Amino acid sequence: MDHPSAPDLTPTILALEPMPAPLDGPAPPDAEDAPSARRNAGPLLAVLRGILPSAGTVLEVGAGTGQHAAAFAAALAPLRWLPTDPQASRIASVPLWANALRPQAARPLPARVLDAAAVDWPLKPADDIRAIVATNVIHIAPWSVAKGILAGAARWLAPGDPLVFYGPFRRDGAHTSDGNTRFDASLRVQDPSWGIRDLESELVPTAQAAGLDLDRVQAMPANNFTVVLRRR
């Protein structure tokens, strides 16, 4: 089936990116530490360098442990990085990772509680949101969260600004690996509203209806993808 989408790019074209600080060291005391965040930080950072604008604020939806917020805020300065999460208990880990950076390194902005499925987001024009990033979010949340992220991007991004999703996706109704097939089944056992989303039949049509168009699909390690949409 043909789709008006950018061709997949292979992981081999990714620039080599070392493990960014502070993820190259031990976790700070009391901070949450997700091994997957450490593994995908370098490859994802390599892609983000070619996607994100040079100024303004990146809104991270689902910051979780805060590992990416600390690493990317330091690596991508002078871009500002605004981490958010729906759970106040999770964002407590964000400043712990930020404090593990070198004293002169740029740090993420204070984290905010944000329910992506809500109509009103805790943002204002002065936040100067120029990009939105959601890493490993929409397969472990109801579809209403994905729709909320798309609606929020349509409201807060300017034309041409990127919305970036990272994680596993089905392609044209099929999983891209046996591991993803098993992972999807386990997610749906935990919660029937969760699951790996189909890029062509679910995400792209919903994004287009919200006013965003597919710009790029980047194949990533471990059967994941970085999907870039841009505000129309």
Protein backbone atom coordinates (compact mmCIF):
# COMPACT_ATOMS: atom_id res chain seq x y z
CA MET A 1 0.00 0.00 0.00
CA ASP A 2 1.38 3.40 -0.95
CA HIS A 3 1.36 6.25 1.54
CA PRO A 4 2.35 9.91 1.22
CA SER A 5 5.09 9.44 3.79
CA ALA A 6 8.83 9.92 3.86
CA PRO A 7 10.84 6.72 3.27
CA ASP A 8 12.30 4.98 6.28
CA LEU A 9 15.92 5.77 6.99
CA THR A 10 18.13 2.99 8.27
CA PRO A 11 19.83 3.06 11.67
CA THR A 12 23.23 2.87 9.96
CA ILE A 13 23.04 6.52 8.86
CA LEU A 14 22.74 7.73 12.46
CA ALA A 15 25.68 9.80 13.59
CA LEU A 16 27.69 8.18 16.34
CA GLU A 17 26.66 9.85 19.56
CA PRO A 18 28.27 8.87 22.87
CA MET A 19 26.21 8.38 25.98
CA PRO A 20 25.38 11.96 27.00
CA ALA A 21 26.06 13.31 30.46
CA PRO A 22 24.86 12.69 33.11
CA LEU A 23 23.71 9.27 31.85
CA ASP A 24 27.32 8.22 31.44
CA GLY A 25 27.61 7.97 35.22
CA PRO A 26 25.76 6.37 38.12
CA ALA A 27 22.26 7.44 39.02
CA PRO A 28 22.05 10.15 41.68
CA PRO A 29 20.75 9.06 45.08
CA ASP A 30 16.96 8.58 45.11
CA ALA A 31 16.66 9.25 41.34
CA GLU A 32 14.73 6.86 39.12
CA ASP A 33 16.95 5.07 36.61
CA ALA A 34 15.47 3.48 33.49
CA PRO A 35 17.97 1.35 31.52
CA SER A 36 16.00 1.98 28.31
CA ALA A 37 16.45 5.73 28.72
CA ARG A 38 20.19 5.24 28.91
CA ARG A 39 20.24 2.95 25.85
CA ASN A 40 18.20 5.17 23.54
CA ALA A 41 19.56 8.56 24.64
CA GLY A 42 22.51 8.61 22.24
CA PRO A 43 20.64 7.47 19.09
CA LEU A 44 17.70 9.75 19.84
CA LEU A 45 19.94 12.74 20.50
CA ALA A 46 21.64 12.18 17.15
CA VAL A 47 18.27 12.42 15.39
CA LEU A 48 17.02 15.38 17.43
CA ARG A 49 20.06 17.45 16.49
CA GLY A 50 18.86 17.46 12.89
CA ILE A 51 15.19 18.06 13.66
CA LEU A 52 14.82 20.60 16.44
CA PRO A 53 15.00 24.37 15.97
CA SER A 54 18.02 26.31 17.21
CA ALA A 55 16.09 28.42 19.71
CA GLY A 56 12.96 28.36 21.83
CA THR A 57 11.62 25.66 24.13
CA VAL A 58 11.17 21.93 23.63
CA LEU A 59 8.20 20.54 25.54
CA GLU A 60 8.76 16.96 26.65
CA VAL A 61 5.56 14.99 27.23
CA GLY A 62 6.04 12.08 29.62
CA ALA A 63 9.44 13.00 31.05
CA GLY A 64 9.29 10.08 33.47
CA THR A 65 12.62 9.56 35.21
CA GLY A 66 14.01 12.89 34.00
CA GLN A 67 17.07 11.28 32.42
CA HIS A 68 16.40 12.59 28.93
CA ALA A 69 15.44 16.02 30.27
CA ALA A 70 18.81 16.43 31.95
CA ALA A 71 20.86 14.96 29.12
CA PHE A 72 19.10 16.76 26.27
CA ALA A 73 18.88 20.12 28.04
CA ALA A 74 22.65 20.10 28.44
CA ALA A 75 23.43 18.73 24.98
CA LEU A 76 21.02 20.92 22.99
CA ALA A 77 21.50 24.31 24.67
CA PRO A 78 20.68 27.12 23.99
CA LEU A 79 17.39 25.34 23.32
CA ARG A 80 15.39 25.20 26.54
CA TRP A 81 13.94 21.86 27.65
CA LEU A 82 10.63 21.80 29.54
CA PRO A 83 9.88 18.37 31.05
CA THR A 84 6.32 17.39 31.94
CA ASP A 85 4.62 14.28 33.25
CA PRO A 86 1.06 13.49 34.36
CA GLN A 87 2.32 12.16 37.69
CA ALA A 88 3.75 14.63 40.18
CA SER A 89 5.66 11.81 41.87
CA ARG A 90 7.58 11.06 38.68
CA ILE A 91 8.85 14.58 38.08
CA ALA A 92 10.51 14.54 41.49
CA SER A 93 13.35 12.65 39.78
CA VAL A 94 13.96 15.37 37.18
CA PRO A 95 15.96 17.81 39.34
CA LEU A 96 17.98 14.95 40.80
CA TRP A 97 19.32 14.07 37.37
CA ALA A 98 19.75 17.75 36.48
CA ASN A 99 21.88 18.27 39.59
CA ALA A 100 24.19 15.50 38.40
CA LEU A 101 25.31 17.67 35.46
CA ARG A 102 28.48 19.75 35.58
CA PRO A 103 27.91 23.12 37.29
CA GLN A 104 28.26 25.07 34.04
CA ALA A 105 25.92 22.83 32.02
CA ALA A 106 22.48 23.99 30.93
CA ARG A 107 19.66 22.43 32.92
CA PRO A 108 16.04 21.64 32.12
CA LEU A 109 13.36 24.10 33.15
CA PRO A 110 11.37 23.26 36.29
CA ALA A 111 9.15 20.28 35.53
CA ARG A 112 5.38 20.68 35.30
CA VAL A 113 2.48 18.30 35.74
CA LEU A 114 0.72 17.91 32.40
CA ASP A 115 -2.09 15.56 31.44
CA ALA A 116 -1.63 15.36 27.67
CA ALA A 117 -5.22 14.15 27.19
CA ALA A 118 -6.61 17.29 28.83
CA VAL A 119 -7.93 20.16 26.74
CA ASP A 120 -6.00 22.84 28.65
CA TRP A 121 -2.25 22.47 29.04
CA PRO A 122 -0.33 24.46 31.70
CA LEU A 123 1.40 26.62 29.11
CA LYS A 124 1.45 30.27 28.09
CA PRO A 125 2.75 32.06 24.98
CA ALA A 126 5.82 33.25 26.87
CA ASP A 127 6.94 29.60 27.15
CA ASP A 128 7.85 29.87 23.44
CA ILE A 129 7.17 26.21 22.63
CA ARG A 130 8.93 25.42 19.34
CA ALA A 131 8.91 21.62 19.47
CA ILE A 132 7.23 18.76 21.33
CA VAL A 133 8.88 15.40 22.06
CA ALA A 134 7.14 12.29 23.42
CA THR A 135 9.40 9.30 24.06
CA ASN A 136 7.85 5.89 24.77
CA VAL A 137 4.48 7.40 25.66
CA ILE A 138 1.62 6.56 23.34
CA HIS A 139 1.86 2.76 23.53
CA ILE A 140 1.61 2.78 27.34
CA ALA A 141 -1.35 5.15 27.48
CA PRO A 142 -4.90 5.25 26.12
CA TRP A 143 -5.32 6.49 22.55
CA SER A 144 -6.85 9.66 24.02
CA VAL A 145 -3.33 10.64 25.12
CA ALA A 146 -1.99 10.43 21.57
CA LYS A 147 -4.94 12.47 20.33
CA GLY A 148 -4.34 14.99 23.10
CA ILE A 149 -0.67 15.36 22.14
CA LEU A 150 -1.64 15.97 18.53
CA ALA A 151 -4.26 18.53 19.54
CA GLY A 152 -1.77 20.24 21.85
CA ALA A 153 0.82 20.38 19.09
CA ALA A 154 -1.71 21.93 16.73
CA ARG A 155 -2.46 24.59 19.33
CA TRP A 156 1.03 25.43 20.62
CA LEU A 157 3.35 24.89 17.66
CA ALA A 158 3.86 27.35 14.82
CA PRO A 159 3.67 26.17 11.19
CA GLY A 160 6.68 24.03 10.39
CA ASP A 161 7.55 23.25 14.01
CA PRO A 162 8.09 19.55 14.84
CA LEU A 163 6.26 17.04 16.98
CA VAL A 164 8.48 14.02 17.60
CA PHE A 165 7.34 10.58 18.73
CA TYR A 166 9.81 7.85 19.65
CA GLY A 167 8.93 4.23 20.32
CA PRO A 168 7.63 1.04 18.68
CA PHE A 169 5.05 1.24 15.89
CA ARG A 170 3.20 -1.20 13.70
CA ARG A 171 3.61 -0.57 9.98
CA ASP A 172 0.58 -1.13 7.73
CA GLY A 173 -1.01 -3.30 10.41
CA ALA A 174 2.02 -5.54 11.01
CA HIS A 175 4.53 -5.62 13.83
CA THR A 176 8.15 -5.09 12.86
CA SER A 177 9.53 -7.89 15.05
CA ASP A 178 8.45 -10.93 17.05
CA GLY A 179 9.57 -9.10 20.18
CA ASN A 180 7.19 -6.24 19.45
CA THR A 181 4.37 -8.72 18.88
CA ARG A 182 4.92 -10.17 22.34
CA PHE A 183 5.38 -6.72 23.86
CA ASP A 184 2.10 -5.50 22.37
CA ALA A 185 0.24 -8.51 23.74
CA SER A 186 1.67 -7.93 27.21
CA LEU A 187 0.64 -4.27 27.12
CA ARG A 188 -2.93 -5.11 26.20
CA VAL A 189 -3.12 -7.64 29.04
CA GLN A 190 -2.10 -4.89 31.47
CA ASP A 191 -4.61 -2.44 30.02
CA PRO A 192 -6.81 -3.03 26.92
CA SER A 193 -6.51 0.67 26.03
CA TRP A 194 -2.72 0.37 25.66
CA GLY A 195 -0.81 -1.10 22.74
CA ILE A 196 1.65 -0.43 19.93
CA ARG A 197 0.00 1.99 17.52
CA ASP A 198 -0.11 1.62 13.75
CA LEU A 199 1.74 4.43 12.02
CA GLU A 200 -0.12 4.41 8.71
CA SER A 201 -3.69 3.65 9.81
CA GLU A 202 -3.81 5.31 13.23
CA LEU A 203 -1.20 7.98 13.90
CA VAL A 204 -0.78 9.62 10.50
CA PRO A 205 -4.52 10.03 9.69
CA THR A 206 -5.24 11.37 13.18
CA ALA A 207 -2.32 13.78 12.90
CA GLN A 208 -3.45 15.01 9.50
CA ALA A 209 -6.94 15.63 10.85
CA ALA A 210 -5.39 17.70 13.65
CA GLY A 211 -3.31 19.79 11.23
CA LEU A 212 0.05 18.00 11.25
CA ASP A 213 1.79 16.24 8.37
CA LEU A 214 4.31 13.42 8.40
CA ASP A 215 7.80 14.72 7.71
CA ARG A 216 10.17 11.88 8.52
CA VAL A 217 10.28 8.29 9.76
CA GLN A 218 13.64 7.21 11.14
CA ALA A 219 14.29 3.56 11.90
CA MET A 220 16.01 3.23 15.28
CA PRO A 221 17.75 0.45 17.20
CA ALA A 222 15.71 -2.23 18.99
CA ASN A 223 12.82 -2.09 16.48
CA ASN A 224 11.80 1.45 17.39
CA PHE A 225 11.13 4.49 15.22
CA THR A 226 11.45 8.23 15.50
CA VAL A 227 8.42 9.79 13.81
CA VAL A 228 8.52 13.49 12.98
CA LEU A 229 5.32 15.41 12.26
CA ARG A 230 5.21 19.10 11.47
CA ARG A 231 2.52 21.66 12.11
CA ARG A 232 0.78 22.59 8.90
